[in-house]
N, C-alpha and C. Protein backbone atom coordinates (compact mmCIF):
# COMPACT_ATOMS: atom_id res chain seq x y z
N GLU A 1 98.92 -131.45 -7.39
CA GLU A 1 98.11 -130.24 -7.34
C GLU A 1 98.54 -129.24 -8.40
N ALA A 2 99.82 -129.19 -8.67
CA ALA A 2 100.31 -128.27 -9.69
C ALA A 2 99.73 -128.64 -11.05
N ARG A 3 99.72 -129.97 -11.33
CA ARG A 3 99.15 -130.42 -12.60
C ARG A 3 97.64 -130.13 -12.65
N LEU A 4 96.97 -130.31 -11.55
CA LEU A 4 95.54 -130.04 -11.48
C LEU A 4 95.28 -128.56 -11.72
N GLY A 5 96.11 -127.71 -11.19
CA GLY A 5 95.98 -126.27 -11.41
C GLY A 5 96.18 -125.92 -12.88
N VAL A 6 97.20 -126.56 -13.50
CA VAL A 6 97.46 -126.32 -14.93
C VAL A 6 96.27 -126.81 -15.75
N LEU A 7 95.76 -128.00 -15.38
CA LEU A 7 94.61 -128.57 -16.09
C LEU A 7 93.38 -127.66 -15.95
N ARG A 8 93.15 -127.16 -14.73
CA ARG A 8 92.02 -126.25 -14.50
C ARG A 8 92.18 -124.98 -15.34
N ALA A 9 93.38 -124.45 -15.37
CA ALA A 9 93.64 -123.23 -16.16
C ALA A 9 93.42 -123.49 -17.64
N ASP A 10 93.84 -124.67 -18.10
CA ASP A 10 93.67 -125.04 -19.52
C ASP A 10 92.18 -125.19 -19.84
N VAL A 11 91.43 -125.87 -18.96
CA VAL A 11 89.99 -126.04 -19.17
C VAL A 11 89.30 -124.68 -19.14
N ALA A 12 89.67 -123.84 -18.20
CA ALA A 12 89.08 -122.50 -18.10
C ALA A 12 89.37 -121.70 -19.36
N SER A 13 90.58 -121.83 -19.89
CA SER A 13 90.97 -121.12 -21.11
C SER A 13 90.13 -121.62 -22.29
N GLN A 14 89.95 -122.97 -22.38
CA GLN A 14 89.15 -123.54 -23.46
C GLN A 14 87.68 -123.10 -23.34
N VAL A 15 87.17 -123.08 -22.11
CA VAL A 15 85.80 -122.64 -21.89
C VAL A 15 85.65 -121.17 -22.30
N ASP A 16 86.61 -120.33 -21.92
CA ASP A 16 86.57 -118.91 -22.30
C ASP A 16 86.62 -118.75 -23.82
N THR A 17 87.48 -119.55 -24.47
CA THR A 17 87.61 -119.49 -25.93
C THR A 17 86.30 -119.90 -26.60
N GLN A 18 85.73 -121.03 -26.11
CA GLN A 18 84.48 -121.49 -26.70
C GLN A 18 83.33 -120.51 -26.39
N HIS A 19 83.36 -119.93 -25.20
CA HIS A 19 82.34 -118.95 -24.84
C HIS A 19 82.42 -117.74 -25.77
N ALA A 20 83.63 -117.26 -26.02
CA ALA A 20 83.82 -116.10 -26.90
C ALA A 20 83.36 -116.43 -28.32
N ALA A 21 83.71 -117.65 -28.79
CA ALA A 21 83.30 -118.06 -30.15
C ALA A 21 81.78 -118.18 -30.23
N LEU A 22 81.17 -118.76 -29.21
CA LEU A 22 79.72 -118.90 -29.18
C LEU A 22 79.05 -117.53 -29.12
N ALA A 23 79.58 -116.63 -28.31
CA ALA A 23 79.02 -115.28 -28.22
C ALA A 23 79.12 -114.56 -29.56
N ALA A 24 80.27 -114.72 -30.24
CA ALA A 24 80.46 -114.09 -31.55
C ALA A 24 79.48 -114.68 -32.56
N ALA A 25 79.30 -116.00 -32.53
CA ALA A 25 78.38 -116.64 -33.46
C ALA A 25 76.95 -116.19 -33.20
N LEU A 26 76.57 -116.10 -31.92
CA LEU A 26 75.22 -115.64 -31.59
C LEU A 26 75.02 -114.19 -32.00
N GLU A 27 76.04 -113.38 -31.80
CA GLU A 27 75.95 -111.97 -32.19
C GLU A 27 75.82 -111.85 -33.71
N GLU A 28 76.59 -112.67 -34.44
CA GLU A 28 76.50 -112.66 -35.90
C GLU A 28 75.11 -113.12 -36.35
N LYS A 29 74.61 -114.18 -35.70
CA LYS A 29 73.28 -114.69 -36.04
C LYS A 29 72.21 -113.64 -35.74
N ALA A 30 72.34 -112.95 -34.61
CA ALA A 30 71.39 -111.89 -34.27
C ALA A 30 71.47 -110.77 -35.30
N GLY A 31 72.68 -110.44 -35.74
CA GLY A 31 72.84 -109.41 -36.77
C GLY A 31 72.19 -109.83 -38.07
N LYS A 32 72.39 -111.11 -38.45
CA LYS A 32 71.76 -111.62 -39.68
C LYS A 32 70.25 -111.62 -39.54
N ALA A 33 69.76 -112.00 -38.36
CA ALA A 33 68.32 -112.01 -38.13
C ALA A 33 67.75 -110.60 -38.26
N ALA A 34 68.48 -109.62 -37.73
CA ALA A 34 68.03 -108.23 -37.83
C ALA A 34 68.02 -107.79 -39.30
N VAL A 35 69.05 -108.17 -40.03
CA VAL A 35 69.12 -107.83 -41.46
C VAL A 35 67.98 -108.52 -42.20
N ASP A 36 67.76 -109.82 -41.90
CA ASP A 36 66.66 -110.55 -42.54
C ASP A 36 65.32 -109.88 -42.23
N HIS A 37 65.15 -109.47 -40.98
CA HIS A 37 63.91 -108.79 -40.59
C HIS A 37 63.75 -107.48 -41.36
N ASP A 38 64.84 -106.71 -41.44
CA ASP A 38 64.80 -105.45 -42.18
C ASP A 38 64.49 -105.70 -43.66
N MET A 39 65.10 -106.74 -44.23
CA MET A 39 64.87 -107.05 -45.64
C MET A 39 63.41 -107.47 -45.86
N GLU A 40 62.87 -108.27 -44.95
CA GLU A 40 61.48 -108.70 -45.06
C GLU A 40 60.54 -107.50 -44.94
N SER A 41 60.85 -106.62 -44.02
CA SER A 41 60.04 -105.41 -43.85
C SER A 41 60.11 -104.54 -45.12
N LEU A 42 61.30 -104.40 -45.66
CA LEU A 42 61.49 -103.62 -46.88
C LEU A 42 60.75 -104.28 -48.05
N ARG A 43 60.81 -105.61 -48.15
CA ARG A 43 60.12 -106.33 -49.21
C ARG A 43 58.61 -106.10 -49.12
N ARG A 44 58.06 -106.17 -47.91
CA ARG A 44 56.62 -105.94 -47.73
C ARG A 44 56.26 -104.50 -48.10
N ASP A 45 57.12 -103.56 -47.72
CA ASP A 45 56.86 -102.16 -48.05
C ASP A 45 56.87 -101.95 -49.56
N VAL A 46 57.85 -102.54 -50.23
CA VAL A 46 57.94 -102.42 -51.70
C VAL A 46 56.72 -103.06 -52.35
N GLU A 47 56.33 -104.25 -51.88
CA GLU A 47 55.15 -104.91 -52.45
C GLU A 47 53.90 -104.05 -52.25
N ALA A 48 53.77 -103.43 -51.09
CA ALA A 48 52.61 -102.57 -50.83
C ALA A 48 52.63 -101.37 -51.77
N ARG A 49 53.80 -100.76 -51.92
CA ARG A 49 53.91 -99.59 -52.82
C ARG A 49 53.62 -99.97 -54.26
N VAL A 50 54.14 -101.13 -54.69
CA VAL A 50 53.88 -101.59 -56.05
C VAL A 50 52.38 -101.86 -56.23
N GLY A 51 51.75 -102.42 -55.20
CA GLY A 51 50.31 -102.65 -55.27
C GLY A 51 49.54 -101.36 -55.44
N VAL A 52 49.92 -100.33 -54.68
CA VAL A 52 49.26 -99.03 -54.79
C VAL A 52 49.53 -98.44 -56.17
N TRP A 53 50.76 -98.56 -56.63
CA TRP A 53 51.13 -98.03 -57.95
C TRP A 53 50.32 -98.74 -59.04
N LYS A 54 50.22 -100.08 -58.95
CA LYS A 54 49.44 -100.82 -59.95
C LYS A 54 47.98 -100.38 -59.93
N THR A 55 47.44 -100.18 -58.75
CA THR A 55 46.05 -99.74 -58.63
C THR A 55 45.88 -98.36 -59.28
N ASP A 56 46.83 -97.45 -59.02
CA ASP A 56 46.77 -96.12 -59.61
C ASP A 56 46.87 -96.18 -61.14
N VAL A 57 47.80 -96.99 -61.63
CA VAL A 57 47.99 -97.11 -63.08
C VAL A 57 46.75 -97.69 -63.73
N LEU A 58 46.16 -98.72 -63.11
CA LEU A 58 44.95 -99.31 -63.67
C LEU A 58 43.79 -98.33 -63.63
N ALA A 59 43.70 -97.54 -62.57
CA ALA A 59 42.63 -96.53 -62.49
C ALA A 59 42.82 -95.48 -63.59
N GLN A 60 44.06 -95.05 -63.81
CA GLN A 60 44.33 -94.09 -64.88
C GLN A 60 44.00 -94.70 -66.25
N ALA A 61 44.37 -95.96 -66.44
CA ALA A 61 44.07 -96.62 -67.71
C ALA A 61 42.57 -96.70 -67.93
N ASP A 62 41.83 -97.03 -66.88
CA ASP A 62 40.36 -97.08 -66.99
C ASP A 62 39.80 -95.70 -67.33
N SER A 63 40.34 -94.66 -66.69
CA SER A 63 39.89 -93.30 -66.95
C SER A 63 40.18 -92.89 -68.39
N TYR A 64 41.40 -93.17 -68.86
CA TYR A 64 41.75 -92.83 -70.24
C TYR A 64 40.88 -93.61 -71.22
N HIS A 65 40.62 -94.88 -70.91
CA HIS A 65 39.79 -95.71 -71.78
C HIS A 65 38.38 -95.13 -71.87
N ALA A 66 37.83 -94.74 -70.72
CA ALA A 66 36.48 -94.16 -70.71
C ALA A 66 36.43 -92.86 -71.50
N ALA A 67 37.44 -92.01 -71.32
CA ALA A 67 37.48 -90.74 -72.06
C ALA A 67 37.62 -90.99 -73.56
N LEU A 68 38.46 -91.92 -73.94
CA LEU A 68 38.66 -92.23 -75.36
C LEU A 68 37.39 -92.81 -75.97
N THR A 69 36.75 -93.70 -75.23
CA THR A 69 35.49 -94.29 -75.70
C THR A 69 34.43 -93.21 -75.90
N ALA A 70 34.33 -92.30 -74.93
CA ALA A 70 33.35 -91.21 -75.04
C ALA A 70 33.65 -90.33 -76.26
N ALA A 71 34.93 -90.01 -76.46
CA ALA A 71 35.30 -89.18 -77.60
C ALA A 71 35.00 -89.90 -78.92
N LEU A 72 35.29 -91.19 -78.98
CA LEU A 72 35.00 -91.95 -80.20
C LEU A 72 33.50 -92.06 -80.45
N ASP A 73 32.75 -92.27 -79.37
CA ASP A 73 31.29 -92.33 -79.51
C ASP A 73 30.74 -91.00 -80.02
N GLU A 74 31.27 -89.89 -79.48
CA GLU A 74 30.83 -88.56 -79.92
C GLU A 74 31.18 -88.35 -81.40
N LYS A 75 32.39 -88.75 -81.76
CA LYS A 75 32.82 -88.59 -83.15
C LYS A 75 31.95 -89.45 -84.08
N ALA A 76 31.65 -90.67 -83.66
CA ALA A 76 30.79 -91.54 -84.48
C ALA A 76 29.40 -90.95 -84.60
N SER A 77 28.89 -90.37 -83.53
CA SER A 77 27.57 -89.74 -83.55
C SER A 77 27.57 -88.56 -84.52
N LYS A 78 28.64 -87.75 -84.45
CA LYS A 78 28.73 -86.61 -85.37
C LYS A 78 28.85 -87.09 -86.81
N ALA A 79 29.61 -88.15 -87.03
CA ALA A 79 29.76 -88.68 -88.38
C ALA A 79 28.43 -89.20 -88.90
N ALA A 80 27.66 -89.85 -88.04
CA ALA A 80 26.34 -90.34 -88.45
C ALA A 80 25.43 -89.17 -88.76
N MET A 81 25.52 -88.10 -87.95
CA MET A 81 24.69 -86.91 -88.17
C MET A 81 25.08 -86.26 -89.50
N HIS A 82 26.39 -86.17 -89.77
CA HIS A 82 26.83 -85.58 -91.04
C HIS A 82 26.36 -86.44 -92.22
N SER A 83 26.40 -87.73 -92.05
CA SER A 83 25.93 -88.63 -93.12
C SER A 83 24.45 -88.42 -93.37
N GLU A 84 23.69 -88.28 -92.29
CA GLU A 84 22.24 -88.05 -92.42
C GLU A 84 21.97 -86.69 -93.08
N ILE A 85 22.73 -85.67 -92.67
CA ILE A 85 22.58 -84.34 -93.27
C ILE A 85 22.91 -84.39 -94.76
N ASP A 86 23.99 -85.11 -95.11
CA ASP A 86 24.37 -85.23 -96.52
C ASP A 86 23.28 -85.94 -97.32
N SER A 87 22.65 -86.94 -96.69
CA SER A 87 21.57 -87.66 -97.36
C SER A 87 20.37 -86.74 -97.60
N VAL A 88 19.99 -85.97 -96.58
CA VAL A 88 18.87 -85.02 -96.72
C VAL A 88 19.21 -83.96 -97.77
N ARG A 89 20.45 -83.48 -97.72
CA ARG A 89 20.88 -82.48 -98.70
C ARG A 89 20.78 -83.04 -100.12
N GLY A 90 21.18 -84.31 -100.28
CA GLY A 90 21.06 -84.95 -101.60
C GLY A 90 19.62 -85.05 -102.03
N ASP A 91 18.74 -85.42 -101.07
CA ASP A 91 17.31 -85.51 -101.40
C ASP A 91 16.76 -84.14 -101.79
N VAL A 92 17.13 -83.09 -101.06
CA VAL A 92 16.67 -81.72 -101.36
C VAL A 92 17.20 -81.29 -102.72
N ASP A 93 18.49 -81.54 -102.97
CA ASP A 93 19.07 -81.16 -104.27
C ASP A 93 18.34 -81.87 -105.42
N ALA A 94 18.03 -83.15 -105.21
CA ALA A 94 17.32 -83.91 -106.25
C ALA A 94 15.92 -83.33 -106.47
N ARG A 95 15.24 -83.01 -105.38
CA ARG A 95 13.88 -82.46 -105.46
C ARG A 95 13.90 -81.10 -106.15
N VAL A 96 14.87 -80.25 -105.79
CA VAL A 96 15.00 -78.93 -106.43
C VAL A 96 15.31 -79.11 -107.90
N GLY A 97 16.17 -80.07 -108.21
CA GLY A 97 16.48 -80.35 -109.63
C GLY A 97 15.24 -80.75 -110.40
N MET A 98 14.41 -81.61 -109.78
CA MET A 98 13.16 -82.03 -110.44
C MET A 98 12.22 -80.84 -110.62
N LEU A 99 12.10 -79.99 -109.59
CA LEU A 99 11.23 -78.82 -109.68
C LEU A 99 11.73 -77.86 -110.76
N ARG A 100 13.03 -77.68 -110.86
CA ARG A 100 13.58 -76.79 -111.91
C ARG A 100 13.30 -77.37 -113.30
N ALA A 101 13.51 -78.67 -113.39
CA ALA A 101 13.24 -79.30 -114.70
C ALA A 101 11.77 -79.18 -115.07
N GLU A 102 10.90 -79.36 -114.09
CA GLU A 102 9.45 -79.23 -114.35
C GLU A 102 9.09 -77.79 -114.71
N ALA A 103 9.72 -76.84 -113.99
CA ALA A 103 9.46 -75.42 -114.28
C ALA A 103 9.97 -75.05 -115.67
N ALA A 104 11.12 -75.59 -116.04
CA ALA A 104 11.70 -75.30 -117.33
C ALA A 104 10.84 -75.91 -118.45
N SER A 105 10.27 -77.07 -118.20
CA SER A 105 9.46 -77.69 -119.24
C SER A 105 8.12 -76.98 -119.41
N GLN A 106 7.64 -76.30 -118.40
CA GLN A 106 6.37 -75.59 -118.48
C GLN A 106 6.56 -74.18 -119.02
N ALA A 107 7.76 -73.70 -119.04
CA ALA A 107 7.98 -72.34 -119.48
C ALA A 107 8.02 -72.20 -120.95
C-alpha cells in the first residue's frame, strides 16, 4: 500500500505537471490567436484606408486633369482667335496698302 500511495502521488504529480503545461500551451495559443485576430483586423483596416486614399487620389488626379484640359483648351482657343485676328489684320493692312498705292497713283 505504501508503494501504491507513492505511485499514486507520482502519477498525480505527473498529471498536474502535464495539466499545467497544457494550460500554458493553450493560454499561449489563445494569446497568439488574439494577436493574429488583431493583426488581421488591423490589416483589413489598413487595406480599407488605403482603398479610400487611392480613391481620393484618383479623384483629385481626375479633377486636376479636367482643369488642366479645360485651361489648355481655352488657351488653344485664344491662340486660334489671335491667329485669326492676325490674319484679318494682315488682310486689312494689305487692302489699306493697295488703297494707298491706288490713291498715290491717282494723285
